[in-house]
């Protein structure tokens, strides 16, 4: 058995500039972090001659098939084919948090699956090469409308500035904060689940159709990456970071009318009314988690304002995709 563990992620600034449609013309960047919530995938070898199937894959359902072409789950099917593994393998997935919630779970799954499949073959890729291959899988093979930040953050882990120049030129610069500053940032973050799940590529497709008219907004969002990095790495009051998050969220509204809804806006405003300085809807939009930036002394009030919602705390700078067990 081999088990991979791959982190989910959150991004602070620059989301939307990591799509090739944008950065190949204008350059892009994000400031984001892998978080201490994970996707796990196990791979087992089994002798198919003893069974009436040659592949078993498990997620929300279990598929037992004789031929790889019969696998309904597109990512399992295409990653197995990509790695040249078409029989005598059994795969299972479990995750700390649900899919389609804005935390990059789909890309974490792809990265973790490729990680475990290469390990199954006795091979190992560098973290960044793993990220590149996950991008190739999602964008070129699966033809999904996704950016490039989720795969890289899942593969390399940590808190990073990631700059997008070309599809084969993505530069990852780790942001090494003093432990006290990192704890201070973590202590201000609260994630509220909106109870809405959605497929990010549907929201992203609409955003990309409006790309040309949103160029000024995206340029401003790219500039916020540098501003946010300066605030984090400086010694000033972190509340300025929270206010910049709020400005970024207000700008993101302009990219597509599918990014938010009246219900999501009402939840965000309720958070502001009960102590949050700023925040954002994570991922492409349409649902998932809202990240609130809340001073610690205001967090009880905010929790009390959402009695029927799940709120989680997160740790940042989690390690990237790794093999945590092999026997």
C-alpha atoms as a PDB file:
ATOM      1  CA  UNK A   1       0.000   0.000   0.000  1.00  0.00           C
ATOM      2  CA  UNK A   2       1.119   3.542  -0.776  1.00  0.00           C
ATOM      3  CA  UNK A   3      -0.624   6.630   0.633  1.00  0.00           C
ATOM      4  CA  UNK A   4      -0.220  10.174  -0.653  1.00  0.00           C
ATOM      5  CA  UNK A   5      -1.204  13.252   1.316  1.00  0.00           C
ATOM      6  CA  UNK A   6      -1.841  16.507  -0.546  1.00  0.00           C
ATOM      7  CA  UNK A   7      -2.836  19.850   0.999  1.00  0.00           C
ATOM      8  CA  UNK A   8      -5.754  22.021   0.067  1.00  0.00           C
ATOM      9  CA  UNK A   9      -5.052  25.710  -0.452  1.00  0.00           C
ATOM     10  CA  UNK A  10      -6.293  29.232  -0.022  1.00  0.00           C
ATOM     11  CA  UNK A  11      -5.211  32.276  -1.969  1.00  0.00           C
ATOM     12  CA  UNK A  12      -5.082  35.785  -0.613  1.00  0.00           C
ATOM     13  CA  UNK A  13      -4.483  37.903  -3.718  1.00  0.00           C
ATOM     14  CA  UNK A  14      -4.134  37.581  -7.477  1.00  0.00           C
ATOM     15  CA  UNK A  15      -6.803  34.984  -8.210  1.00  0.00           C
ATOM     16  CA  UNK A  16      -7.900  35.255 -11.828  1.00  0.00           C
ATOM     17  CA  UNK A  17      -4.454  36.265 -13.074  1.00  0.00           C
ATOM     18  CA  UNK A  18      -3.299  32.621 -12.988  1.00  0.00           C
ATOM     19  CA  UNK A  19      -5.354  31.650 -16.059  1.00  0.00           C
ATOM     20  CA  UNK A  20      -3.235  31.234 -19.207  1.00  0.00           C
ATOM     21  CA  UNK A  21      -5.744  33.343 -21.156  1.00  0.00           C
ATOM     22  CA  UNK A  22      -4.606  36.262 -18.999  1.00  0.00           C
ATOM     23  CA  UNK A  23      -1.009  35.671 -17.934  1.00  0.00           C
ATOM     24  CA  UNK A  24       0.325  34.662 -21.355  1.00  0.00           C
ATOM     25  CA  UNK A  25      -0.462  38.219 -22.464  1.00  0.00           C
ATOM     26  CA  UNK A  26      -0.056  40.249 -19.286  1.00  0.00           C
ATOM     27  CA  UNK A  27       1.763  38.154 -16.680  1.00  0.00           C
ATOM     28  CA  UNK A  28       0.117  37.043 -13.469  1.00  0.00           C
ATOM     29  CA  UNK A  29       0.849  36.253  -9.852  1.00  0.00           C
ATOM     30  CA  UNK A  30      -0.831  35.041  -6.684  1.00  0.00           C
ATOM     31  CA  UNK A  31      -0.047  35.138  -2.994  1.00  0.00           C
ATOM     32  CA  UNK A  32      -1.374  31.964  -1.409  1.00  0.00           C
ATOM     33  CA  UNK A  33      -0.746  29.111   0.962  1.00  0.00           C
ATOM     34  CA  UNK A  34      -1.228  25.402   1.314  1.00  0.00           C
ATOM     35  CA  UNK A  35      -3.300  24.711   4.434  1.00  0.00           C
ATOM     36  CA  UNK A  36      -3.359  21.924   7.004  1.00  0.00           C
ATOM     37  CA  UNK A  37      -6.361  20.181   5.454  1.00  0.00           C
ATOM     38  CA  UNK A  38      -5.640  17.298   3.112  1.00  0.00           C
ATOM     39  CA  UNK A  39      -6.702  14.878   0.398  1.00  0.00           C
ATOM     40  CA  UNK A  40      -5.448  11.303   0.855  1.00  0.00           C
ATOM     41  CA  UNK A  41      -5.165   8.663  -1.867  1.00  0.00           C
ATOM     42  CA  UNK A  42      -4.196   5.042  -1.328  1.00  0.00           C
ATOM     43  CA  UNK A  43      -2.890   2.729  -4.017  1.00  0.00           C
ATOM     44  CA  UNK A  44      -2.815  -1.062  -3.655  1.00  0.00           C
ATOM     45  CA  UNK A  45      -1.605  -3.750  -6.008  1.00  0.00           C
ATOM     46  CA  UNK A  46      -3.855  -6.784  -6.486  1.00  0.00           C
ATOM     47  CA  UNK A  47      -3.799  -9.808  -8.826  1.00  0.00           C
ATOM     48  CA  UNK A  48      -6.616  -9.246 -11.287  1.00  0.00           C
ATOM     49  CA  UNK A  49      -6.539 -12.889 -12.379  1.00  0.00           C
ATOM     50  CA  UNK A  50      -8.171 -13.750  -9.058  1.00  0.00           C
ATOM     51  CA  UNK A  51     -11.044 -11.322  -9.583  1.00  0.00           C
ATOM     52  CA  UNK A  52     -13.648 -10.575 -12.225  1.00  0.00           C
ATOM     53  CA  UNK A  53     -12.340  -7.024 -12.603  1.00  0.00           C
ATOM     54  CA  UNK A  54      -8.907  -5.501 -13.211  1.00  0.00           C
ATOM     55  CA  UNK A  55      -9.334  -2.017 -11.671  1.00  0.00           C
ATOM     56  CA  UNK A  56     -11.065  -0.733  -8.559  1.00  0.00           C
ATOM     57  CA  UNK A  57     -11.445   2.999  -7.855  1.00  0.00           C
ATOM     58  CA  UNK A  58     -13.269   4.427  -4.874  1.00  0.00           C
ATOM     59  CA  UNK A  59     -14.585   7.939  -4.187  1.00  0.00           C
ATOM     60  CA  UNK A  60     -18.258   8.723  -3.528  1.00  0.00           C
ATOM     61  CA  UNK A  61     -18.947   5.475  -5.320  1.00  0.00           C
ATOM     62  CA  UNK A  62     -16.970   2.334  -6.029  1.00  0.00           C
ATOM     63  CA  UNK A  63     -16.164   1.298  -9.587  1.00  0.00           C
ATOM     64  CA  UNK A  64     -15.071  -2.261 -10.425  1.00  0.00           C
ATOM     65  CA  UNK A  65     -14.148  -2.504 -14.109  1.00  0.00           C
ATOM     66  CA  UNK A  66     -12.436  -4.914 -16.461  1.00  0.00           C
ATOM     67  CA  UNK A  67     -11.104  -2.241 -18.809  1.00  0.00           C
ATOM     68  CA  UNK A  68      -9.790   1.238 -18.061  1.00  0.00           C
ATOM     69  CA  UNK A  69     -12.083   2.733 -20.694  1.00  0.00           C
ATOM     70  CA  UNK A  70     -15.030   1.761 -18.493  1.00  0.00           C
ATOM     71  CA  UNK A  71     -13.939   3.988 -15.585  1.00  0.00           C
ATOM     72  CA  UNK A  72     -16.514   6.757 -15.235  1.00  0.00           C
ATOM     73  CA  UNK A  73     -14.410   9.058 -13.034  1.00  0.00           C
ATOM     74  CA  UNK A  74     -12.529  11.146 -15.594  1.00  0.00           C
ATOM     75  CA  UNK A  75      -9.560  12.097 -13.418  1.00  0.00           C
ATOM     76  CA  UNK A  76      -8.919   8.548 -12.230  1.00  0.00           C
ATOM     77  CA  UNK A  77      -9.255   7.253 -15.793  1.00  0.00           C
ATOM     78  CA  UNK A  78      -7.029   9.796 -17.497  1.00  0.00           C
ATOM     79  CA  UNK A  79      -4.332   9.832 -14.800  1.00  0.00           C
ATOM     80  CA  UNK A  80      -4.100   6.034 -14.905  1.00  0.00           C
ATOM     81  CA  UNK A  81      -3.760   6.135 -18.688  1.00  0.00           C
ATOM     82  CA  UNK A  82      -1.234   8.997 -18.462  1.00  0.00           C
ATOM     83  CA  UNK A  83       0.929   6.935 -16.108  1.00  0.00           C
ATOM     84  CA  UNK A  84       0.533   3.732 -18.120  1.00  0.00           C
ATOM     85  CA  UNK A  85      -1.303   1.844 -15.363  1.00  0.00           C
ATOM     86  CA  UNK A  86      -4.350   0.115 -16.787  1.00  0.00           C
ATOM     87  CA  UNK A  87      -4.837  -2.931 -14.548  1.00  0.00           C
ATOM     88  CA  UNK A  88      -3.926  -4.605 -11.249  1.00  0.00           C
ATOM     89  CA  UNK A  89      -4.357  -1.481  -9.117  1.00  0.00           C
ATOM     90  CA  UNK A  90      -6.884  -0.341  -6.542  1.00  0.00           C
ATOM     91  CA  UNK A  91      -7.296   3.335  -5.582  1.00  0.00           C
ATOM     92  CA  UNK A  92      -9.210   5.031  -2.765  1.00  0.00           C
ATOM     93  CA  UNK A  93      -9.682   8.706  -1.885  1.00  0.00           C
ATOM     94  CA  UNK A  94     -10.665  10.391   1.376  1.00  0.00           C
ATOM     95  CA  UNK A  95     -10.482  14.096   2.243  1.00  0.00           C
ATOM     96  CA  UNK A  96     -10.661  16.336   5.294  1.00  0.00           C
ATOM     97  CA  UNK A  97     -13.111  18.737   3.608  1.00  0.00           C
ATOM     98  CA  UNK A  98     -15.726  18.387   0.855  1.00  0.00           C
ATOM     99  CA  UNK A  99     -15.027  18.976  -2.825  1.00  0.00           C
ATOM    100  CA  UNK A 100     -16.175  22.003  -4.851  1.00  0.00           C
ATOM    101  CA  UNK A 101     -15.778  24.433  -1.931  1.00  0.00           C
ATOM    102  CA  UNK A 102     -13.108  26.868  -3.192  1.00  0.00           C
ATOM    103  CA  UNK A 103     -10.092  25.280  -1.511  1.00  0.00           C
ATOM    104  CA  UNK A 104      -8.554  23.728  -4.610  1.00  0.00           C
ATOM    105  CA  UNK A 105      -9.717  20.206  -3.771  1.00  0.00           C
ATOM    106  CA  UNK A 106      -9.993  19.111  -7.410  1.00  0.00           C
ATOM    107  CA  UNK A 107      -6.381  20.002  -8.137  1.00  0.00           C
ATOM    108  CA  UNK A 108      -5.227  18.533  -4.820  1.00  0.00           C
ATOM    109  CA  UNK A 109      -6.884  15.293  -5.893  1.00  0.00           C
ATOM    110  CA  UNK A 110      -5.133  15.375  -9.279  1.00  0.00           C
ATOM    111  CA  UNK A 111      -1.745  16.195  -7.739  1.00  0.00           C
ATOM    112  CA  UNK A 112      -2.114  13.524  -5.052  1.00  0.00           C
ATOM    113  CA  UNK A 113      -3.258  10.940  -7.573  1.00  0.00           C
ATOM    114  CA  UNK A 114      -0.287  11.567  -9.855  1.00  0.00           C
ATOM    115  CA  UNK A 115       2.014  11.513  -6.826  1.00  0.00           C
ATOM    116  CA  UNK A 116       0.788   8.095  -5.698  1.00  0.00           C
ATOM    117  CA  UNK A 117       0.716   6.638  -9.219  1.00  0.00           C
ATOM    118  CA  UNK A 118       4.326   7.612  -9.888  1.00  0.00           C
ATOM    119  CA  UNK A 119       5.308   6.169  -6.508  1.00  0.00           C
ATOM    120  CA  UNK A 120       3.428   2.982  -7.429  1.00  0.00           C
ATOM    121  CA  UNK A 121       5.679   2.789 -10.507  1.00  0.00           C
ATOM    122  CA  UNK A 122       8.763   3.371  -8.360  1.00  0.00           C
ATOM    123  CA  UNK A 123       9.273   6.901  -9.698  1.00  0.00           C
ATOM    124  CA  UNK A 124       9.500  10.299  -8.031  1.00  0.00           C
ATOM    125  CA  UNK A 125       9.065  13.779  -9.502  1.00  0.00           C
ATOM    126  CA  UNK A 126      10.228  17.093  -8.122  1.00  0.00           C
ATOM    127  CA  UNK A 127       7.446  19.111  -6.523  1.00  0.00           C
ATOM    128  CA  UNK A 128       7.390  21.667  -9.308  1.00  0.00           C
ATOM    129  CA  UNK A 129       7.432  19.027 -12.063  1.00  0.00           C
ATOM    130  CA  UNK A 130       4.483  17.355 -10.325  1.00  0.00           C
ATOM    131  CA  UNK A 131       2.666  20.691 -10.431  1.00  0.00           C
ATOM    132  CA  UNK A 132       3.396  21.108 -14.155  1.00  0.00           C
ATOM    133  CA  UNK A 133       2.064  17.633 -14.928  1.00  0.00           C
ATOM    134  CA  UNK A 134      -1.104  18.249 -12.947  1.00  0.00           C
ATOM    135  CA  UNK A 135      -1.639  21.472 -14.921  1.00  0.00           C
ATOM    136  CA  UNK A 136      -1.149  19.541 -18.167  1.00  0.00           C
ATOM    137  CA  UNK A 137      -3.638  16.925 -17.008  1.00  0.00           C
ATOM    138  CA  UNK A 138      -6.357  19.391 -16.038  1.00  0.00           C
ATOM    139  CA  UNK A 139      -5.965  21.970 -18.782  1.00  0.00           C
ATOM    140  CA  UNK A 140      -4.892  19.947 -21.810  1.00  0.00           C
ATOM    141  CA  UNK A 141      -6.122  16.390 -21.266  1.00  0.00           C
ATOM    142  CA  UNK A 142      -9.274  16.981 -19.225  1.00  0.00           C
ATOM    143  CA  UNK A 143      -9.917  20.327 -20.988  1.00  0.00           C
ATOM    144  CA  UNK A 144     -11.051  22.032 -17.781  1.00  0.00           C
ATOM    145  CA  UNK A 145     -11.276  25.805 -17.376  1.00  0.00           C
ATOM    146  CA  UNK A 146      -8.871  26.103 -14.465  1.00  0.00           C
ATOM    147  CA  UNK A 147      -5.925  28.281 -13.553  1.00  0.00           C
ATOM    148  CA  UNK A 148      -2.436  27.226 -12.500  1.00  0.00           C
ATOM    149  CA  UNK A 149      -2.214  28.222  -8.847  1.00  0.00           C
ATOM    150  CA  UNK A 150      -4.051  25.283  -7.264  1.00  0.00           C
ATOM    151  CA  UNK A 151      -1.808  22.595  -8.735  1.00  0.00           C
ATOM    152  CA  UNK A 152       1.416  24.401  -7.811  1.00  0.00           C
ATOM    153  CA  UNK A 153       0.339  25.201  -4.258  1.00  0.00           C
ATOM    154  CA  UNK A 154      -0.765  21.599  -3.730  1.00  0.00           C
ATOM    155  CA  UNK A 155       2.474  20.215  -5.143  1.00  0.00           C
ATOM    156  CA  UNK A 156       5.035  22.507  -3.515  1.00  0.00           C
ATOM    157  CA  UNK A 157       3.197  23.420  -0.308  1.00  0.00           C
ATOM    158  CA  UNK A 158       4.140  26.360   1.879  1.00  0.00           C
ATOM    159  CA  UNK A 159       3.213  30.046   1.742  1.00  0.00           C
ATOM    160  CA  UNK A 160       4.284  31.412  -1.629  1.00  0.00           C
ATOM    161  CA  UNK A 161       4.449  34.150  -4.167  1.00  0.00           C
ATOM    162  CA  UNK A 162       3.826  32.380  -7.475  1.00  0.00           C
ATOM    163  CA  UNK A 163       4.452  34.273 -10.713  1.00  0.00           C
ATOM    164  CA  UNK A 164       3.039  33.057 -14.027  1.00  0.00           C
ATOM    165  CA  UNK A 165       4.991  33.903 -17.185  1.00  0.00           C
ATOM    166  CA  UNK A 166       4.553  30.938 -19.548  1.00  0.00           C
ATOM    167  CA  UNK A 167       3.016  27.511 -19.121  1.00  0.00           C
ATOM    168  CA  UNK A 168       6.538  26.141 -18.659  1.00  0.00           C
ATOM    169  CA  UNK A 169       7.765  29.166 -16.696  1.00  0.00           C
ATOM    170  CA  UNK A 170       5.960  29.360 -13.364  1.00  0.00           C
ATOM    171  CA  UNK A 171       8.174  30.761 -10.613  1.00  0.00           C
ATOM    172  CA  UNK A 172       7.550  29.817  -7.000  1.00  0.00           C
ATOM    173  CA  UNK A 173       9.118  32.016  -4.326  1.00  0.00           C
ATOM    174  CA  UNK A 174       8.575  30.796  -0.747  1.00  0.00           C
ATOM    175  CA  UNK A 175       7.519  33.473   1.727  1.00  0.00           C
ATOM    176  CA  UNK A 176       9.343  32.694   4.957  1.00  0.00           C
ATOM    177  CA  UNK A 177       7.620  34.597   7.742  1.00  0.00           C
ATOM    178  CA  UNK A 178       8.935  34.602  11.315  1.00  0.00           C
ATOM    179  CA  UNK A 179       7.003  32.033  13.347  1.00  0.00           C
ATOM    180  CA  UNK A 180       5.326  34.727  15.434  1.00  0.00           C
ATOM    181  CA  UNK A 181       4.162  36.644  12.350  1.00  0.00           C
ATOM    182  CA  UNK A 182       2.802  33.466  10.764  1.00  0.00           C
ATOM    183  CA  UNK A 183       0.888  32.616  13.951  1.00  0.00           C
ATOM    184  CA  UNK A 184      -0.481  36.147  14.039  1.00  0.00           C
ATOM    185  CA  UNK A 185      -1.778  35.802  10.487  1.00  0.00           C
ATOM    186  CA  UNK A 186      -3.310  32.385  11.201  1.00  0.00           C
ATOM    187  CA  UNK A 187      -5.003  33.718  14.327  1.00  0.00           C
ATOM    188  CA  UNK A 188      -6.949  36.241  12.220  1.00  0.00           C
ATOM    189  CA  UNK A 189      -8.357  33.734   9.705  1.00  0.00           C
ATOM    190  CA  UNK A 190     -11.718  31.983   9.969  1.00  0.00           C
ATOM    191  CA  UNK A 191     -13.304  29.926   7.185  1.00  0.00           C
ATOM    192  CA  UNK A 192     -17.088  29.788   7.011  1.00  0.00           C
ATOM    193  CA  UNK A 193     -18.758  27.170   4.843  1.00  0.00           C
ATOM    194  CA  UNK A 194     -21.605  28.756   2.883  1.00  0.00           C
ATOM    195  CA  UNK A 195     -23.305  25.332   2.458  1.00  0.00           C
ATOM    196  CA  UNK A 196     -23.111  25.875  -1.307  1.00  0.00           C
ATOM    197  CA  UNK A 197     -20.963  23.636  -3.502  1.00  0.00           C
ATOM    198  CA  UNK A 198     -20.289  24.336  -7.162  1.00  0.00           C
ATOM    199  CA  UNK A 199     -17.995  23.399 -10.034  1.00  0.00           C
ATOM    200  CA  UNK A 200     -15.333  26.078 -10.367  1.00  0.00           C
ATOM    201  CA  UNK A 201     -14.875  25.610 -14.107  1.00  0.00           C
ATOM    202  CA  UNK A 202     -18.441  26.798 -14.753  1.00  0.00           C
ATOM    203  CA  UNK A 203     -17.789  30.087 -12.950  1.00  0.00           C
ATOM    204  CA  UNK A 204     -14.342  30.398 -14.501  1.00  0.00           C
ATOM    205  CA  UNK A 205     -15.705  29.922 -18.022  1.00  0.00           C
ATOM    206  CA  UNK A 206     -17.987  32.910 -17.596  1.00  0.00           C
ATOM    207  CA  UNK A 207     -15.144  34.969 -16.148  1.00  0.00           C
ATOM    208  CA  UNK A 208     -12.851  34.121 -19.068  1.00  0.00           C
ATOM    209  CA  UNK A 209     -15.496  35.121 -21.620  1.00  0.00           C
ATOM    210  CA  UNK A 210     -15.377  38.625 -20.118  1.00  0.00           C
ATOM    211  CA  UNK A 211     -11.602  38.800 -19.856  1.00  0.00           C
ATOM    212  CA  UNK A 212     -10.964  41.709 -22.213  1.00  0.00           C
ATOM    213  CA  UNK A 213     -13.387  44.053 -20.490  1.00  0.00           C
ATOM    214  CA  UNK A 214     -11.896  43.172 -17.076  1.00  0.00           C
ATOM    215  CA  UNK A 215      -8.239  43.877 -17.866  1.00  0.00           C
ATOM    216  CA  UNK A 216      -7.994  46.960 -15.627  1.00  0.00           C
ATOM    217  CA  UNK A 217      -9.554  45.094 -12.716  1.00  0.00           C
ATOM    218  CA  UNK A 218      -7.196  42.156 -13.148  1.00  0.00           C
ATOM    219  CA  UNK A 219      -4.171  44.462 -13.329  1.00  0.00           C
ATOM    220  CA  UNK A 220      -5.225  46.009 -10.014  1.00  0.00           C
ATOM    221  CA  UNK A 221      -5.701  42.543  -8.516  1.00  0.00           C
ATOM    222  CA  UNK A 222      -2.200  41.604  -9.675  1.00  0.00           C
ATOM    223  CA  UNK A 223      -0.775  44.728  -8.027  1.00  0.00           C
ATOM    224  CA  UNK A 224      -2.438  43.696  -4.750  1.00  0.00           C
ATOM    225  CA  UNK A 225      -0.194  40.628  -4.671  1.00  0.00           C
ATOM    226  CA  UNK A 226       2.851  42.850  -4.170  1.00  0.00           C
ATOM    227  CA  UNK A 227       1.020  45.062  -1.685  1.00  0.00           C
ATOM    228  CA  UNK A 228      -0.160  42.085   0.341  1.00  0.00           C
ATOM    229  CA  UNK A 229       3.323  40.561   0.344  1.00  0.00           C
ATOM    230  CA  UNK A 230       4.819  43.833   1.594  1.00  0.00           C
ATOM    231  CA  UNK A 231       2.259  43.979   4.405  1.00  0.00           C
ATOM    232  CA  UNK A 232       2.929  40.392   5.458  1.00  0.00           C
ATOM    233  CA  UNK A 233       6.694  40.661   5.404  1.00  0.00           C
ATOM    234  CA  UNK A 234       6.699  44.044   7.128  1.00  0.00           C
ATOM    235  CA  UNK A 235       6.167  44.733  10.809  1.00  0.00           C
ATOM    236  CA  UNK A 236       3.036  46.858  10.598  1.00  0.00           C
ATOM    237  CA  UNK A 237      -0.461  46.189  11.877  1.00  0.00           C
ATOM    238  CA  UNK A 238      -1.964  43.219  10.043  1.00  0.00           C
ATOM    239  CA  UNK A 239      -5.368  44.871   9.966  1.00  0.00           C
ATOM    240  CA  UNK A 240      -4.171  46.610   6.794  1.00  0.00           C
ATOM    241  CA  UNK A 241      -3.894  43.142   5.252  1.00  0.00           C
ATOM    242  CA  UNK A 242      -7.531  42.519   6.146  1.00  0.00           C
ATOM    243  CA  UNK A 243      -8.634  45.791   4.574  1.00  0.00           C
ATOM    244  CA  UNK A 244      -6.759  44.911   1.383  1.00  0.00           C
ATOM    245  CA  UNK A 245      -8.575  41.563   1.314  1.00  0.00           C
ATOM    246  CA  UNK A 246     -11.871  43.428   1.445  1.00  0.00           C
ATOM    247  CA  UNK A 247     -10.834  45.662  -1.452  1.00  0.00           C
ATOM    248  CA  UNK A 248      -9.819  42.600  -3.456  1.00  0.00           C
ATOM    249  CA  UNK A 249     -13.162  40.918  -2.802  1.00  0.00           C
ATOM    250  CA  UNK A 250     -15.065  43.991  -3.951  1.00  0.00           C
ATOM    251  CA  UNK A 251     -13.023  44.033  -7.155  1.00  0.00           C
ATOM    252  CA  UNK A 252     -13.567  40.327  -7.775  1.00  0.00           C
ATOM    253  CA  UNK A 253     -17.337  40.970  -7.936  1.00  0.00           C
ATOM    254  CA  UNK A 254     -16.723  42.837 -11.168  1.00  0.00           C
ATOM    255  CA  UNK A 255     -15.248  39.865 -13.045  1.00  0.00           C
ATOM    256  CA  UNK A 256     -18.514  37.947 -13.462  1.00  0.00           C
ATOM    257  CA  UNK A 257     -22.040  38.102 -12.105  1.00  0.00           C
ATOM    258  CA  UNK A 258     -21.724  34.386 -11.321  1.00  0.00           C
ATOM    259  CA  UNK A 259     -18.971  34.889  -8.742  1.00  0.00           C
ATOM    260  CA  UNK A 260     -21.346  35.775  -5.947  1.00  0.00           C
ATOM    261  CA  UNK A 261     -25.052  35.730  -5.075  1.00  0.00           C
ATOM    262  CA  UNK A 262     -27.312  37.827  -2.831  1.00  0.00           C
ATOM    263  CA  UNK A 263     -27.177  35.031  -0.225  1.00  0.00           C
ATOM    264  CA  UNK A 264     -23.365  34.968  -0.223  1.00  0.00           C
ATOM    265  CA  UNK A 265     -23.203  38.770  -0.070  1.00  0.00           C
ATOM    266  CA  UNK A 266     -25.528  38.707   2.941  1.00  0.00           C
ATOM    267  CA  UNK A 267     -23.264  36.215   4.728  1.00  0.00           C
ATOM    268  CA  UNK A 268     -20.210  38.348   3.990  1.00  0.00           C
ATOM    269  CA  UNK A 269     -21.920  41.489   5.254  1.00  0.00           C
ATOM    270  CA  UNK A 270     -23.006  39.669   8.413  1.00  0.00           C
ATOM    271  CA  UNK A 271     -19.358  38.825   9.021  1.00  0.00           C
ATOM    272  CA  UNK A 272     -18.340  42.467   8.587  1.00  0.00           C
ATOM    273  CA  UNK A 273     -21.113  43.518  10.965  1.00  0.00           C
ATOM    274  CA  UNK A 274     -19.778  41.159  13.642  1.00  0.00           C
ATOM    275  CA  UNK A 275     -16.082  41.934  13.722  1.00  0.00           C
ATOM    276  CA  UNK A 276     -14.487  40.949  10.412  1.00  0.00           C
ATOM    277  CA  UNK A 277     -12.241  43.569   8.829  1.00  0.00           C
ATOM    278  CA  UNK A 278     -12.301  41.923   5.430  1.00  0.00           C
ATOM    279  CA  UNK A 279     -12.260  38.608   3.660  1.00  0.00           C
ATOM    280  CA  UNK A 280     -13.084  36.913   0.408  1.00  0.00           C
ATOM    281  CA  UNK A 281     -15.005  34.087  -1.169  1.00  0.00           C
ATOM    282  CA  UNK A 282     -12.385  31.461  -1.875  1.00  0.00           C
ATOM    283  CA  UNK A 283     -11.843  29.892  -5.270  1.00  0.00           C
ATOM    284  CA  UNK A 284     -13.536  30.912  -8.479  1.00  0.00           C
ATOM    285  CA  UNK A 285     -16.739  31.917  -6.694  1.00  0.00           C
ATOM    286  CA  UNK A 286     -20.342  30.806  -6.659  1.00  0.00           C
ATOM    287  CA  UNK A 287     -20.159  29.106  -3.262  1.00  0.00           C
ATOM    288  CA  UNK A 288     -17.755  27.229  -1.038  1.00  0.00           C
ATOM    289  CA  UNK A 289     -15.902  28.862   1.850  1.00  0.00           C
ATOM    290  CA  UNK A 290     -15.752  32.521   2.817  1.00  0.00           C
ATOM    291  CA  UNK A 291     -12.465  33.459   4.475  1.00  0.00           C
ATOM    292  CA  UNK A 292     -12.943  36.154   7.092  1.00  0.00           C
ATOM    293  CA  UNK A 293     -10.087  38.238   8.490  1.00  0.00           C
ATOM    294  CA  UNK A 294     -11.097  38.783  12.114  1.00  0.00           C
ATOM    295  CA  UNK A 295      -9.133  40.163  15.086  1.00  0.00           C
ATOM    296  CA  UNK A 296      -8.951  37.435  17.751  1.00  0.00           C
ATOM    297  CA  UNK A 297     -10.940  39.480  20.261  1.00  0.00           C
ATOM    298  CA  UNK A 298     -13.865  39.663  17.795  1.00  0.00           C
ATOM    299  CA  UNK A 299     -14.022  36.000  16.854  1.00  0.00           C
ATOM    300  CA  UNK A 300     -16.492  34.880  19.514  1.00  0.00           C
ATOM    301  CA  UNK A 301     -18.951  37.494  18.276  1.00  0.00           C
ATOM    302  CA  UNK A 302     -18.523  36.329  14.706  1.00  0.00           C
ATOM    303  CA  UNK A 303     -19.008  32.667  15.636  1.00  0.00           C
ATOM    304  CA  UNK A 304     -22.160  33.567  17.549  1.00  0.00           C
ATOM    305  CA  UNK A 305     -23.481  35.384  14.477  1.00  0.00           C
ATOM    306  CA  UNK A 306     -23.418  32.119  12.483  1.00  0.00           C
ATOM    307  CA  UNK A 307     -24.942  29.495  14.810  1.00  0.00           C
ATOM    308  CA  UNK A 308     -26.047  27.255  11.940  1.00  0.00           C
ATOM    309  CA  UNK A 309     -22.808  27.357   9.941  1.00  0.00           C
ATOM    310  CA  UNK A 310     -19.573  25.423  10.201  1.00  0.00           C
ATOM    311  CA  UNK A 311     -16.539  27.621  10.879  1.00  0.00           C
ATOM    312  CA  UNK A 312     -13.037  26.184  10.798  1.00  0.00           C
ATOM    313  CA  UNK A 313      -9.633  27.530  11.721  1.00  0.00           C
ATOM    314  CA  UNK A 314      -6.666  26.790   9.478  1.00  0.00           C
ATOM    315  CA  UNK A 315      -2.927  26.431   9.684  1.00  0.00           C
ATOM    316  CA  UNK A 316      -0.851  27.880   6.860  1.00  0.00           C
ATOM    317  CA  UNK A 317       2.361  26.885   5.067  1.00  0.00           C
ATOM    318  CA  UNK A 318       1.452  23.180   5.089  1.00  0.00           C
ATOM    319  CA  UNK A 319       3.877  20.783   3.368  1.00  0.00           C
ATOM    320  CA  UNK A 320       3.267  19.903  -0.254  1.00  0.00           C
ATOM    321  CA  UNK A 321       2.197  16.573  -1.729  1.00  0.00           C
ATOM    322  CA  UNK A 322       4.068  13.693  -0.148  1.00  0.00           C
ATOM    323  CA  UNK A 323       4.063   9.938   0.292  1.00  0.00           C
ATOM    324  CA  UNK A 324       3.284   9.370   3.963  1.00  0.00           C
ATOM    325  CA  UNK A 325       3.155   5.555   3.959  1.00  0.00           C
ATOM    326  CA  UNK A 326       4.590   2.799   1.812  1.00  0.00           C
ATOM    327  CA  UNK A 327       4.778  -0.905   2.491  1.00  0.00           C
END
